[in-house]
Amino acid sequence: MGNTPEGVAPGAGLDGDAVEGPARLRDGQVVTIRRMTADDRPLLEEFLSRLSDNSLAGRFFVPVPRATAFVELWCGIASTDRCALLLLTTEGGRPSVVAHAEYVRDGIRAPSAEVAFLVEDDYHGRGCATVLLWRLARAARAAGVRGFHATVLMRNEAMLEVFRRCGYPAEEWWGPDAVQVTMSIAELPEPTFLEPPPGVAPA
């Protein structure tokens, strides 16, 4: 796992500036992260078709039809106050979306934004949300955003751990069913939290 795949430089992403490009998951798999575009409609539809109701409920809080989920995620390409990123693998010679992440600004030129993540079931626990959070933070800082917030279902312990271990200062407020998380992204996280060189797993 310590060998560097062709086209992926050792320590790729450690400069703290790149939003799009290769990333390495916890198990060493190299994936591609890029902004969602209008050409990605069929890939997004295929992605949603593979998700379980439980994964959708973790993102939208209740089971929702795939068509409803698509409309919500597709809005990410139509607004200057949103940034949607896709995490893709290559299977059978063609790209496949396995995770989606976005931030939605709280208002025009607001310094804060809400973040949300959706990861394919087979990719849970492999570091997808963590690397997407780092990339979203880079895009957000460049746009003038200095803070993220998220609402997480109390039972979604895995997502809470992503926020707790991402390296950004975070606070939590617990409600009866959900947890409100806020974090400052004004500065880069500690170097030990950044995307690691090949062979070192993300938190």
N, C-alpha and C. Protein backbone atom coordinates (compact mmCIF):
# COMPACT_ATOMS: atom_id res chain seq x y z
N MET A 1 0.82 -1.20 0.00
CA MET A 1 0.00 0.00 0.00
C MET A 1 0.85 1.25 0.00
N GLY A 2 2.13 1.12 0.31
CA GLY A 2 2.98 2.28 0.35
C GLY A 2 3.45 2.75 -0.99
N ASN A 3 3.23 1.95 -2.06
CA ASN A 3 3.66 2.35 -3.38
C ASN A 3 2.74 3.43 -3.92
N THR A 4 3.29 4.37 -4.64
CA THR A 4 2.51 5.47 -5.19
C THR A 4 1.96 5.10 -6.56
N PRO A 5 0.62 5.10 -6.75
CA PRO A 5 0.07 4.81 -8.07
C PRO A 5 0.50 5.86 -9.07
N GLU A 6 0.53 5.47 -10.32
CA GLU A 6 0.92 6.40 -11.38
C GLU A 6 0.02 7.62 -11.38
N GLY A 7 0.60 8.78 -11.44
CA GLY A 7 -0.15 10.02 -11.51
C GLY A 7 -0.52 10.61 -10.17
N VAL A 8 -0.18 9.93 -9.05
CA VAL A 8 -0.49 10.45 -7.73
C VAL A 8 0.80 10.69 -6.99
N ALA A 9 1.15 11.95 -6.78
CA ALA A 9 2.42 12.29 -6.15
C ALA A 9 2.37 12.01 -4.66
N PRO A 10 3.50 11.60 -4.06
CA PRO A 10 3.54 11.42 -2.61
C PRO A 10 3.12 12.70 -1.90
N GLY A 11 2.25 12.55 -0.90
CA GLY A 11 1.79 13.71 -0.14
C GLY A 11 0.83 14.60 -0.91
N ALA A 12 0.20 14.08 -1.98
CA ALA A 12 -0.72 14.90 -2.76
C ALA A 12 -1.79 15.49 -1.86
N GLY A 13 -2.01 16.78 -1.96
CA GLY A 13 -3.02 17.44 -1.18
C GLY A 13 -2.49 18.12 0.06
N LEU A 14 -1.24 17.90 0.42
CA LEU A 14 -0.70 18.47 1.64
C LEU A 14 -0.45 19.96 1.54
N ASP A 15 -0.53 20.53 0.34
CA ASP A 15 -0.32 21.96 0.21
C ASP A 15 -1.52 22.75 0.72
N GLY A 16 -2.64 22.08 0.95
CA GLY A 16 -3.81 22.74 1.51
C GLY A 16 -4.56 23.62 0.54
N ASP A 17 -4.23 23.58 -0.75
CA ASP A 17 -4.86 24.46 -1.72
C ASP A 17 -5.76 23.73 -2.72
N ALA A 18 -5.45 22.49 -3.04
CA ALA A 18 -6.18 21.79 -4.10
C ALA A 18 -7.58 21.42 -3.64
N VAL A 19 -8.57 21.67 -4.49
CA VAL A 19 -9.93 21.23 -4.25
C VAL A 19 -10.21 19.98 -5.07
N GLU A 20 -9.85 20.01 -6.35
CA GLU A 20 -10.08 18.88 -7.22
C GLU A 20 -8.77 18.10 -7.43
N GLY A 21 -8.92 16.79 -7.61
CA GLY A 21 -7.74 15.97 -7.86
C GLY A 21 -7.81 14.67 -7.10
N PRO A 22 -6.75 13.88 -7.13
CA PRO A 22 -6.74 12.56 -6.48
C PRO A 22 -6.72 12.68 -4.96
N ALA A 23 -7.25 11.65 -4.33
CA ALA A 23 -7.20 11.54 -2.87
C ALA A 23 -7.08 10.06 -2.54
N ARG A 24 -6.60 9.78 -1.35
CA ARG A 24 -6.41 8.39 -0.94
C ARG A 24 -7.31 8.08 0.24
N LEU A 25 -8.08 7.00 0.14
CA LEU A 25 -8.97 6.59 1.21
C LEU A 25 -8.22 5.81 2.27
N ARG A 26 -8.93 5.46 3.32
CA ARG A 26 -8.32 4.79 4.46
C ARG A 26 -7.65 3.47 4.07
N ASP A 27 -8.25 2.75 3.12
CA ASP A 27 -7.70 1.45 2.73
C ASP A 27 -6.66 1.55 1.63
N GLY A 28 -6.28 2.78 1.26
CA GLY A 28 -5.26 2.97 0.24
C GLY A 28 -5.80 3.19 -1.16
N GLN A 29 -7.10 3.02 -1.36
CA GLN A 29 -7.67 3.21 -2.70
C GLN A 29 -7.56 4.68 -3.11
N VAL A 30 -7.11 4.90 -4.33
CA VAL A 30 -7.01 6.25 -4.88
C VAL A 30 -8.30 6.58 -5.62
N VAL A 31 -8.89 7.71 -5.27
CA VAL A 31 -10.13 8.16 -5.89
C VAL A 31 -9.92 9.56 -6.45
N THR A 32 -10.92 10.06 -7.16
CA THR A 32 -10.86 11.41 -7.72
C THR A 32 -11.96 12.25 -7.11
N ILE A 33 -11.63 13.47 -6.73
CA ILE A 33 -12.61 14.42 -6.22
C ILE A 33 -12.66 15.60 -7.18
N ARG A 34 -13.87 15.98 -7.55
CA ARG A 34 -14.03 17.14 -8.43
C ARG A 34 -15.41 17.76 -8.21
N ARG A 35 -15.56 18.98 -8.70
CA ARG A 35 -16.84 19.67 -8.62
C ARG A 35 -17.87 18.99 -9.53
N MET A 36 -19.11 18.97 -9.08
CA MET A 36 -20.18 18.41 -9.89
C MET A 36 -20.53 19.37 -11.02
N THR A 37 -20.79 18.82 -12.21
CA THR A 37 -21.13 19.62 -13.37
C THR A 37 -22.45 19.12 -13.98
N ALA A 38 -22.96 19.86 -14.94
CA ALA A 38 -24.21 19.48 -15.60
C ALA A 38 -24.10 18.15 -16.33
N ASP A 39 -22.89 17.74 -16.69
CA ASP A 39 -22.70 16.46 -17.38
C ASP A 39 -22.81 15.26 -16.45
N ASP A 40 -22.89 15.51 -15.14
CA ASP A 40 -22.87 14.42 -14.17
C ASP A 40 -24.25 13.87 -13.83
N ARG A 41 -25.28 14.33 -14.52
CA ARG A 41 -26.64 13.88 -14.17
C ARG A 41 -26.76 12.36 -14.16
N PRO A 42 -26.36 11.64 -15.22
CA PRO A 42 -26.52 10.18 -15.18
C PRO A 42 -25.70 9.52 -14.07
N LEU A 43 -24.51 10.05 -13.79
CA LEU A 43 -23.69 9.48 -12.72
C LEU A 43 -24.36 9.68 -11.36
N LEU A 44 -24.97 10.85 -11.15
CA LEU A 44 -25.64 11.12 -9.89
C LEU A 44 -26.87 10.22 -9.74
N GLU A 45 -27.62 10.03 -10.82
CA GLU A 45 -28.80 9.17 -10.76
C GLU A 45 -28.40 7.73 -10.45
N GLU A 46 -27.32 7.25 -11.06
CA GLU A 46 -26.84 5.89 -10.77
C GLU A 46 -26.40 5.77 -9.31
N PHE A 47 -25.72 6.78 -8.82
CA PHE A 47 -25.28 6.80 -7.43
C PHE A 47 -26.46 6.67 -6.48
N LEU A 48 -27.48 7.48 -6.69
CA LEU A 48 -28.65 7.45 -5.81
C LEU A 48 -29.38 6.12 -5.89
N SER A 49 -29.39 5.50 -7.07
CA SER A 49 -30.10 4.23 -7.23
C SER A 49 -29.47 3.11 -6.42
N ARG A 50 -28.18 3.24 -6.07
CA ARG A 50 -27.48 2.20 -5.33
C ARG A 50 -27.57 2.38 -3.82
N LEU A 51 -28.06 3.52 -3.36
CA LEU A 51 -28.05 3.81 -1.93
C LEU A 51 -29.20 3.11 -1.20
N SER A 52 -28.93 2.73 0.03
CA SER A 52 -29.98 2.15 0.87
C SER A 52 -30.85 3.26 1.44
N ASP A 53 -32.04 2.89 1.90
CA ASP A 53 -32.92 3.87 2.54
C ASP A 53 -32.26 4.44 3.78
N ASN A 54 -31.46 3.64 4.47
CA ASN A 54 -30.80 4.10 5.68
C ASN A 54 -29.78 5.21 5.38
N SER A 55 -29.03 5.04 4.28
CA SER A 55 -28.07 6.07 3.90
C SER A 55 -28.77 7.37 3.52
N LEU A 56 -29.88 7.26 2.80
CA LEU A 56 -30.62 8.45 2.43
C LEU A 56 -31.21 9.14 3.66
N ALA A 57 -31.68 8.34 4.61
CA ALA A 57 -32.25 8.92 5.83
C ALA A 57 -31.18 9.63 6.65
N GLY A 58 -29.93 9.14 6.60
CA GLY A 58 -28.85 9.81 7.30
C GLY A 58 -28.57 11.19 6.74
N ARG A 59 -28.82 11.37 5.46
CA ARG A 59 -28.58 12.66 4.80
C ARG A 59 -29.80 13.58 4.89
N PHE A 60 -31.01 13.00 4.70
CA PHE A 60 -32.22 13.83 4.63
C PHE A 60 -33.10 13.68 5.87
N PHE A 61 -32.67 12.86 6.83
CA PHE A 61 -33.34 12.65 8.13
C PHE A 61 -34.55 11.71 8.05
N VAL A 62 -35.13 11.53 6.89
CA VAL A 62 -36.23 10.59 6.70
C VAL A 62 -36.02 9.89 5.37
N PRO A 63 -36.55 8.69 5.20
CA PRO A 63 -36.46 8.06 3.87
C PRO A 63 -37.14 8.94 2.83
N VAL A 64 -36.47 9.18 1.72
CA VAL A 64 -37.04 10.02 0.67
C VAL A 64 -36.95 9.28 -0.67
N PRO A 65 -37.87 9.56 -1.59
CA PRO A 65 -37.76 8.98 -2.93
C PRO A 65 -36.46 9.41 -3.60
N ARG A 66 -35.92 8.55 -4.46
CA ARG A 66 -34.67 8.91 -5.15
C ARG A 66 -34.84 10.17 -5.99
N ALA A 67 -36.02 10.37 -6.56
CA ALA A 67 -36.25 11.57 -7.38
C ALA A 67 -36.16 12.83 -6.54
N THR A 68 -36.67 12.78 -5.30
CA THR A 68 -36.60 13.93 -4.41
C THR A 68 -35.16 14.21 -4.01
N ALA A 69 -34.42 13.15 -3.71
CA ALA A 69 -33.01 13.31 -3.35
C ALA A 69 -32.22 13.90 -4.52
N PHE A 70 -32.53 13.45 -5.73
CA PHE A 70 -31.81 13.97 -6.90
C PHE A 70 -32.03 15.47 -7.05
N VAL A 71 -33.29 15.90 -6.94
CA VAL A 71 -33.59 17.33 -7.09
C VAL A 71 -32.81 18.16 -6.08
N GLU A 72 -32.75 17.68 -4.83
CA GLU A 72 -32.05 18.43 -3.78
C GLU A 72 -30.56 18.52 -4.08
N LEU A 73 -29.95 17.40 -4.49
CA LEU A 73 -28.50 17.42 -4.75
C LEU A 73 -28.18 18.17 -6.03
N TRP A 74 -29.04 18.07 -7.03
CA TRP A 74 -28.78 18.70 -8.32
C TRP A 74 -28.79 20.21 -8.22
N CYS A 75 -29.45 20.76 -7.22
CA CYS A 75 -29.46 22.22 -7.03
C CYS A 75 -28.05 22.76 -6.80
N GLY A 76 -27.12 21.89 -6.44
CA GLY A 76 -25.77 22.33 -6.14
C GLY A 76 -25.01 22.90 -7.31
N ILE A 77 -25.49 22.67 -8.55
CA ILE A 77 -24.75 23.21 -9.70
C ILE A 77 -25.34 24.54 -10.17
N ALA A 78 -26.43 24.97 -9.54
CA ALA A 78 -27.15 26.13 -10.08
C ALA A 78 -26.98 27.39 -9.25
N SER A 79 -26.21 27.34 -8.17
CA SER A 79 -26.11 28.49 -7.27
C SER A 79 -24.66 28.81 -6.98
N THR A 80 -24.36 30.11 -6.94
CA THR A 80 -23.01 30.54 -6.59
C THR A 80 -22.76 30.43 -5.09
N ASP A 81 -23.82 30.21 -4.31
CA ASP A 81 -23.68 30.09 -2.86
C ASP A 81 -23.60 28.63 -2.42
N ARG A 82 -23.45 27.70 -3.38
CA ARG A 82 -23.31 26.29 -3.06
C ARG A 82 -22.09 25.74 -3.79
N CYS A 83 -21.49 24.75 -3.19
CA CYS A 83 -20.40 24.04 -3.85
C CYS A 83 -20.63 22.55 -3.62
N ALA A 84 -20.80 21.80 -4.70
CA ALA A 84 -21.03 20.36 -4.62
C ALA A 84 -19.82 19.62 -5.18
N LEU A 85 -19.30 18.68 -4.41
CA LEU A 85 -18.17 17.86 -4.83
C LEU A 85 -18.59 16.41 -4.95
N LEU A 86 -18.01 15.73 -5.93
CA LEU A 86 -18.23 14.30 -6.12
C LEU A 86 -16.93 13.56 -5.85
N LEU A 87 -17.04 12.39 -5.26
CA LEU A 87 -15.91 11.50 -5.09
C LEU A 87 -16.16 10.30 -6.00
N LEU A 88 -15.24 10.06 -6.93
CA LEU A 88 -15.46 9.06 -7.97
C LEU A 88 -14.38 7.99 -7.96
N THR A 89 -14.80 6.79 -8.34
CA THR A 89 -13.89 5.70 -8.62
C THR A 89 -14.02 5.37 -10.11
N THR A 90 -13.14 4.52 -10.60
CA THR A 90 -13.24 4.05 -11.98
C THR A 90 -13.50 2.55 -11.95
N GLU A 91 -14.65 2.15 -12.46
CA GLU A 91 -15.04 0.75 -12.45
C GLU A 91 -15.41 0.33 -13.87
N GLY A 92 -14.75 -0.71 -14.36
CA GLY A 92 -15.02 -1.15 -15.71
C GLY A 92 -14.69 -0.13 -16.76
N GLY A 93 -13.70 0.73 -16.47
CA GLY A 93 -13.28 1.73 -17.43
C GLY A 93 -14.14 2.97 -17.46
N ARG A 94 -15.13 3.10 -16.58
CA ARG A 94 -15.98 4.29 -16.56
C ARG A 94 -16.08 4.81 -15.14
N PRO A 95 -16.29 6.13 -14.99
CA PRO A 95 -16.36 6.71 -13.64
C PRO A 95 -17.64 6.32 -12.93
N SER A 96 -17.56 6.26 -11.61
CA SER A 96 -18.73 5.95 -10.79
C SER A 96 -18.68 6.82 -9.54
N VAL A 97 -19.74 7.53 -9.26
CA VAL A 97 -19.82 8.36 -8.07
C VAL A 97 -20.09 7.47 -6.86
N VAL A 98 -19.29 7.62 -5.81
CA VAL A 98 -19.53 6.85 -4.59
C VAL A 98 -19.78 7.76 -3.38
N ALA A 99 -19.63 9.08 -3.54
CA ALA A 99 -19.93 10.00 -2.44
C ALA A 99 -20.19 11.39 -3.00
N HIS A 100 -21.03 12.13 -2.30
CA HIS A 100 -21.39 13.51 -2.66
C HIS A 100 -21.29 14.35 -1.40
N ALA A 101 -20.77 15.56 -1.55
CA ALA A 101 -20.69 16.49 -0.41
C ALA A 101 -20.93 17.90 -0.94
N GLU A 102 -21.49 18.75 -0.09
CA GLU A 102 -21.69 20.13 -0.51
C GLU A 102 -21.75 21.05 0.69
N TYR A 103 -21.47 22.31 0.42
CA TYR A 103 -21.79 23.34 1.40
C TYR A 103 -22.80 24.28 0.77
N VAL A 104 -23.68 24.81 1.60
CA VAL A 104 -24.69 25.79 1.19
C VAL A 104 -24.52 27.00 2.08
N ARG A 105 -24.15 28.10 1.49
CA ARG A 105 -23.90 29.32 2.25
C ARG A 105 -25.17 29.78 2.96
N ASP A 106 -25.02 30.36 4.14
CA ASP A 106 -26.18 30.80 4.92
C ASP A 106 -26.85 32.04 4.32
N GLY A 107 -26.21 32.70 3.42
CA GLY A 107 -26.76 33.86 2.75
C GLY A 107 -25.73 34.40 1.78
N ILE A 108 -26.13 35.36 0.97
CA ILE A 108 -25.20 35.93 0.00
C ILE A 108 -24.00 36.52 0.74
N ARG A 109 -22.81 36.04 0.38
CA ARG A 109 -21.54 36.46 0.97
C ARG A 109 -21.46 36.21 2.48
N ALA A 110 -22.32 35.34 3.00
CA ALA A 110 -22.27 35.00 4.43
C ALA A 110 -20.96 34.28 4.74
N PRO A 111 -20.39 34.47 5.94
CA PRO A 111 -19.12 33.82 6.29
C PRO A 111 -19.29 32.40 6.80
N SER A 112 -20.52 31.88 6.79
CA SER A 112 -20.76 30.53 7.29
C SER A 112 -21.62 29.75 6.30
N ALA A 113 -21.55 28.43 6.39
CA ALA A 113 -22.28 27.58 5.46
C ALA A 113 -22.62 26.25 6.11
N GLU A 114 -23.70 25.64 5.65
CA GLU A 114 -24.08 24.31 6.12
C GLU A 114 -23.42 23.27 5.22
N VAL A 115 -22.95 22.18 5.82
CA VAL A 115 -22.35 21.10 5.04
C VAL A 115 -23.16 19.82 5.23
N ALA A 116 -23.14 18.97 4.19
CA ALA A 116 -23.84 17.69 4.26
C ALA A 116 -23.12 16.70 3.35
N PHE A 117 -23.24 15.42 3.69
CA PHE A 117 -22.50 14.37 3.00
C PHE A 117 -23.43 13.18 2.74
N LEU A 118 -23.15 12.49 1.64
CA LEU A 118 -23.89 11.27 1.29
C LEU A 118 -22.90 10.30 0.68
N VAL A 119 -22.77 9.12 1.30
CA VAL A 119 -21.75 8.16 0.90
C VAL A 119 -22.41 6.82 0.59
N GLU A 120 -22.00 6.20 -0.50
CA GLU A 120 -22.51 4.88 -0.87
C GLU A 120 -22.24 3.87 0.24
N ASP A 121 -23.18 2.96 0.45
CA ASP A 121 -23.11 2.04 1.58
C ASP A 121 -21.79 1.28 1.65
N ASP A 122 -21.32 0.77 0.53
CA ASP A 122 -20.09 -0.03 0.53
C ASP A 122 -18.85 0.81 0.85
N TYR A 123 -18.99 2.13 0.84
CA TYR A 123 -17.84 3.01 1.11
C TYR A 123 -17.92 3.66 2.49
N HIS A 124 -18.88 3.27 3.29
CA HIS A 124 -18.93 3.79 4.66
C HIS A 124 -17.69 3.35 5.43
N GLY A 125 -17.16 4.25 6.26
CA GLY A 125 -16.03 3.91 7.10
C GLY A 125 -14.69 3.89 6.41
N ARG A 126 -14.61 4.40 5.19
CA ARG A 126 -13.36 4.35 4.43
C ARG A 126 -12.71 5.73 4.28
N GLY A 127 -13.26 6.74 4.94
CA GLY A 127 -12.64 8.06 4.92
C GLY A 127 -13.17 9.00 3.86
N CYS A 128 -14.26 8.62 3.16
CA CYS A 128 -14.78 9.48 2.09
C CYS A 128 -15.23 10.84 2.62
N ALA A 129 -16.02 10.84 3.70
CA ALA A 129 -16.53 12.11 4.22
C ALA A 129 -15.41 12.98 4.74
N THR A 130 -14.38 12.36 5.31
CA THR A 130 -13.27 13.15 5.85
C THR A 130 -12.53 13.89 4.75
N VAL A 131 -12.14 13.20 3.68
CA VAL A 131 -11.40 13.89 2.63
C VAL A 131 -12.29 14.89 1.90
N LEU A 132 -13.58 14.59 1.78
CA LEU A 132 -14.48 15.56 1.15
C LEU A 132 -14.64 16.81 2.02
N LEU A 133 -14.67 16.63 3.32
CA LEU A 133 -14.76 17.79 4.22
C LEU A 133 -13.54 18.68 4.06
N TRP A 134 -12.35 18.09 4.00
CA TRP A 134 -11.14 18.90 3.80
C TRP A 134 -11.20 19.67 2.48
N ARG A 135 -11.64 19.00 1.42
CA ARG A 135 -11.70 19.67 0.11
C ARG A 135 -12.77 20.77 0.11
N LEU A 136 -13.93 20.50 0.74
CA LEU A 136 -14.97 21.53 0.82
C LEU A 136 -14.45 22.75 1.58
N ALA A 137 -13.69 22.51 2.63
CA ALA A 137 -13.15 23.63 3.41
C ALA A 137 -12.21 24.48 2.56
N ARG A 138 -11.42 23.85 1.70
CA ARG A 138 -10.52 24.60 0.82
C ARG A 138 -11.32 25.48 -0.14
N ALA A 139 -12.37 24.89 -0.73
CA ALA A 139 -13.21 25.66 -1.65
C ALA A 139 -13.91 26.79 -0.92
N ALA A 140 -14.38 26.51 0.28
CA ALA A 140 -15.12 27.51 1.05
C ALA A 140 -14.23 28.68 1.47
N ARG A 141 -13.02 28.38 1.93
CA ARG A 141 -12.11 29.46 2.33
C ARG A 141 -11.82 30.39 1.15
N ALA A 142 -11.64 29.80 -0.04
CA ALA A 142 -11.37 30.61 -1.22
C ALA A 142 -12.55 31.52 -1.56
N ALA A 143 -13.76 31.12 -1.13
CA ALA A 143 -14.96 31.91 -1.40
C ALA A 143 -15.31 32.84 -0.26
N GLY A 144 -14.49 32.85 0.81
CA GLY A 144 -14.72 33.75 1.92
C GLY A 144 -15.50 33.16 3.08
N VAL A 145 -15.77 31.86 3.04
CA VAL A 145 -16.47 31.20 4.15
C VAL A 145 -15.44 30.84 5.22
N ARG A 146 -15.80 31.09 6.48
CA ARG A 146 -14.86 30.84 7.57
C ARG A 146 -15.40 29.85 8.61
N GLY A 147 -16.66 29.42 8.45
CA GLY A 147 -17.22 28.47 9.40
C GLY A 147 -18.22 27.54 8.75
N PHE A 148 -18.25 26.29 9.20
CA PHE A 148 -19.22 25.29 8.75
C PHE A 148 -20.13 24.93 9.92
N HIS A 149 -21.34 24.50 9.58
CA HIS A 149 -22.22 23.91 10.59
C HIS A 149 -23.00 22.78 9.94
N ALA A 150 -23.47 21.86 10.75
CA ALA A 150 -24.20 20.70 10.25
C ALA A 150 -25.16 20.21 11.31
N THR A 151 -26.26 19.61 10.86
CA THR A 151 -27.19 18.92 11.74
C THR A 151 -27.03 17.43 11.49
N VAL A 152 -26.75 16.67 12.53
CA VAL A 152 -26.48 15.24 12.41
C VAL A 152 -27.43 14.47 13.31
N LEU A 153 -28.09 13.45 12.76
CA LEU A 153 -28.95 12.61 13.59
C LEU A 153 -28.13 12.00 14.71
N MET A 154 -28.68 11.94 15.89
CA MET A 154 -27.95 11.45 17.05
C MET A 154 -27.44 10.02 16.83
N ARG A 155 -28.19 9.23 16.08
CA ARG A 155 -27.78 7.84 15.85
C ARG A 155 -26.66 7.72 14.82
N ASN A 156 -26.35 8.83 14.12
CA ASN A 156 -25.32 8.79 13.08
C ASN A 156 -23.95 9.06 13.71
N GLU A 157 -23.52 8.13 14.54
CA GLU A 157 -22.27 8.30 15.27
C GLU A 157 -21.06 8.41 14.34
N ALA A 158 -21.11 7.71 13.19
CA ALA A 158 -19.98 7.74 12.26
C ALA A 158 -19.75 9.16 11.74
N MET A 159 -20.84 9.88 11.41
CA MET A 159 -20.68 11.24 10.91
C MET A 159 -20.21 12.18 12.01
N LEU A 160 -20.69 11.97 13.22
CA LEU A 160 -20.21 12.79 14.33
C LEU A 160 -18.71 12.60 14.54
N GLU A 161 -18.23 11.38 14.38
CA GLU A 161 -16.80 11.13 14.54
C GLU A 161 -15.99 11.82 13.44
N VAL A 162 -16.55 11.93 12.24
CA VAL A 162 -15.85 12.65 11.17
C VAL A 162 -15.59 14.08 11.61
N PHE A 163 -16.60 14.75 12.14
CA PHE A 163 -16.44 16.13 12.57
C PHE A 163 -15.49 16.24 13.77
N ARG A 164 -15.58 15.28 14.67
CA ARG A 164 -14.73 15.34 15.87
C ARG A 164 -13.26 15.12 15.55
N ARG A 165 -12.97 14.37 14.50
CA ARG A 165 -11.59 13.97 14.23
C ARG A 165 -11.01 14.61 12.97
N CYS A 166 -11.69 15.62 12.42
CA CYS A 166 -11.24 16.18 11.15
C CYS A 166 -10.10 17.19 11.33
N GLY A 167 -9.85 17.64 12.55
CA GLY A 167 -8.75 18.57 12.77
C GLY A 167 -9.15 20.02 12.90
N TYR A 168 -10.43 20.34 12.60
CA TYR A 168 -10.92 21.70 12.77
C TYR A 168 -11.58 21.84 14.14
N PRO A 169 -11.43 23.00 14.80
CA PRO A 169 -12.09 23.21 16.09
C PRO A 169 -13.60 23.09 15.92
N ALA A 170 -14.24 22.23 16.71
CA ALA A 170 -15.67 21.98 16.56
C ALA A 170 -16.35 21.97 17.92
N GLU A 171 -17.62 22.38 17.92
CA GLU A 171 -18.45 22.34 19.11
C GLU A 171 -19.76 21.63 18.77
N GLU A 172 -20.37 21.02 19.77
CA GLU A 172 -21.61 20.27 19.57
C GLU A 172 -22.68 20.76 20.54
N TRP A 173 -23.93 20.82 20.06
CA TRP A 173 -25.09 21.09 20.89
C TRP A 173 -26.09 19.96 20.66
N TRP A 174 -26.42 19.25 21.73
CA TRP A 174 -27.26 18.06 21.63
C TRP A 174 -28.72 18.40 21.86
N GLY A 175 -29.58 17.95 20.92
CA GLY A 175 -31.02 18.07 21.06
C GLY A 175 -31.62 16.71 21.32
N PRO A 176 -32.94 16.61 21.28
CA PRO A 176 -33.58 15.32 21.56
C PRO A 176 -33.32 14.26 20.50
N ASP A 177 -33.15 14.67 19.23
CA ASP A 177 -32.96 13.70 18.15
C ASP A 177 -31.73 13.96 17.29
N ALA A 178 -31.18 15.17 17.37
CA ALA A 178 -30.09 15.53 16.47
C ALA A 178 -29.04 16.36 17.22
N VAL A 179 -27.87 16.43 16.62
CA VAL A 179 -26.76 17.19 17.17
C VAL A 179 -26.40 18.31 16.21
N GLN A 180 -26.28 19.53 16.72
CA GLN A 180 -25.83 20.65 15.92
C GLN A 180 -24.32 20.78 16.10
N VAL A 181 -23.60 20.76 14.99
CA VAL A 181 -22.15 20.86 15.01
C VAL A 181 -21.72 22.15 14.32
N THR A 182 -20.83 22.90 14.95
CA THR A 182 -20.24 24.07 14.30
C THR A 182 -18.73 23.93 14.35
N MET A 183 -18.05 24.46 13.33
CA MET A 183 -16.59 24.40 13.31
C MET A 183 -16.01 25.59 12.58
N SER A 184 -14.84 25.98 12.99
CA SER A 184 -14.10 27.04 12.32
C SER A 184 -13.18 26.41 11.28
N ILE A 185 -13.24 26.94 10.05
CA ILE A 185 -12.35 26.46 8.99
C ILE A 185 -11.43 27.59 8.52
N ALA A 186 -11.33 28.64 9.34
CA ALA A 186 -10.54 29.81 8.93
C ALA A 186 -9.08 29.47 8.71
N GLU A 187 -8.59 28.51 9.47
CA GLU A 187 -7.19 28.08 9.34
C GLU A 187 -7.16 26.61 8.96
N LEU A 188 -6.04 26.20 8.34
CA LEU A 188 -5.86 24.78 8.04
C LEU A 188 -5.80 23.98 9.32
N PRO A 189 -6.29 22.73 9.31
CA PRO A 189 -6.14 21.90 10.50
C PRO A 189 -4.67 21.57 10.72
N GLU A 190 -4.39 21.00 11.87
CA GLU A 190 -3.01 20.61 12.16
C GLU A 190 -2.49 19.69 11.06
N PRO A 191 -1.19 19.78 10.69
CA PRO A 191 -0.66 18.97 9.59
C PRO A 191 -0.93 17.47 9.74
N THR A 192 -1.02 16.98 10.99
CA THR A 192 -1.26 15.55 11.18
C THR A 192 -2.65 15.14 10.73
N PHE A 193 -3.56 16.12 10.55
CA PHE A 193 -4.91 15.80 10.14
C PHE A 193 -5.09 15.90 8.62
N LEU A 194 -4.15 16.53 7.93
CA LEU A 194 -4.30 16.73 6.50
C LEU A 194 -4.15 15.43 5.75
N GLU A 195 -4.54 15.45 4.48
CA GLU A 195 -4.46 14.24 3.67
C GLU A 195 -3.04 13.68 3.73
N PRO A 196 -2.92 12.42 4.13
CA PRO A 196 -1.61 11.86 4.40
C PRO A 196 -0.88 11.42 3.14
N PRO A 197 0.42 11.23 3.23
CA PRO A 197 1.15 10.63 2.14
C PRO A 197 0.63 9.22 1.90
N PRO A 198 0.86 8.65 0.73
CA PRO A 198 0.40 7.30 0.44
C PRO A 198 0.83 6.32 1.53
N GLY A 199 -0.10 5.45 1.90
CA GLY A 199 0.19 4.42 2.89
C GLY A 199 -0.19 4.82 4.30
N VAL A 200 -0.63 6.08 4.52
CA VAL A 200 -1.03 6.52 5.84
C VAL A 200 -2.52 6.82 5.81
N ALA A 201 -3.28 6.23 6.69
CA ALA A 201 -4.72 6.34 6.63
C ALA A 201 -5.22 7.65 7.21
N PRO A 202 -6.25 8.26 6.58
CA PRO A 202 -6.87 9.44 7.17
C PRO A 202 -7.57 9.07 8.46
N ALA A 203 -7.79 10.05 9.32
CA ALA A 203 -8.55 9.80 10.54
C ALA A 203 -9.99 9.49 10.20
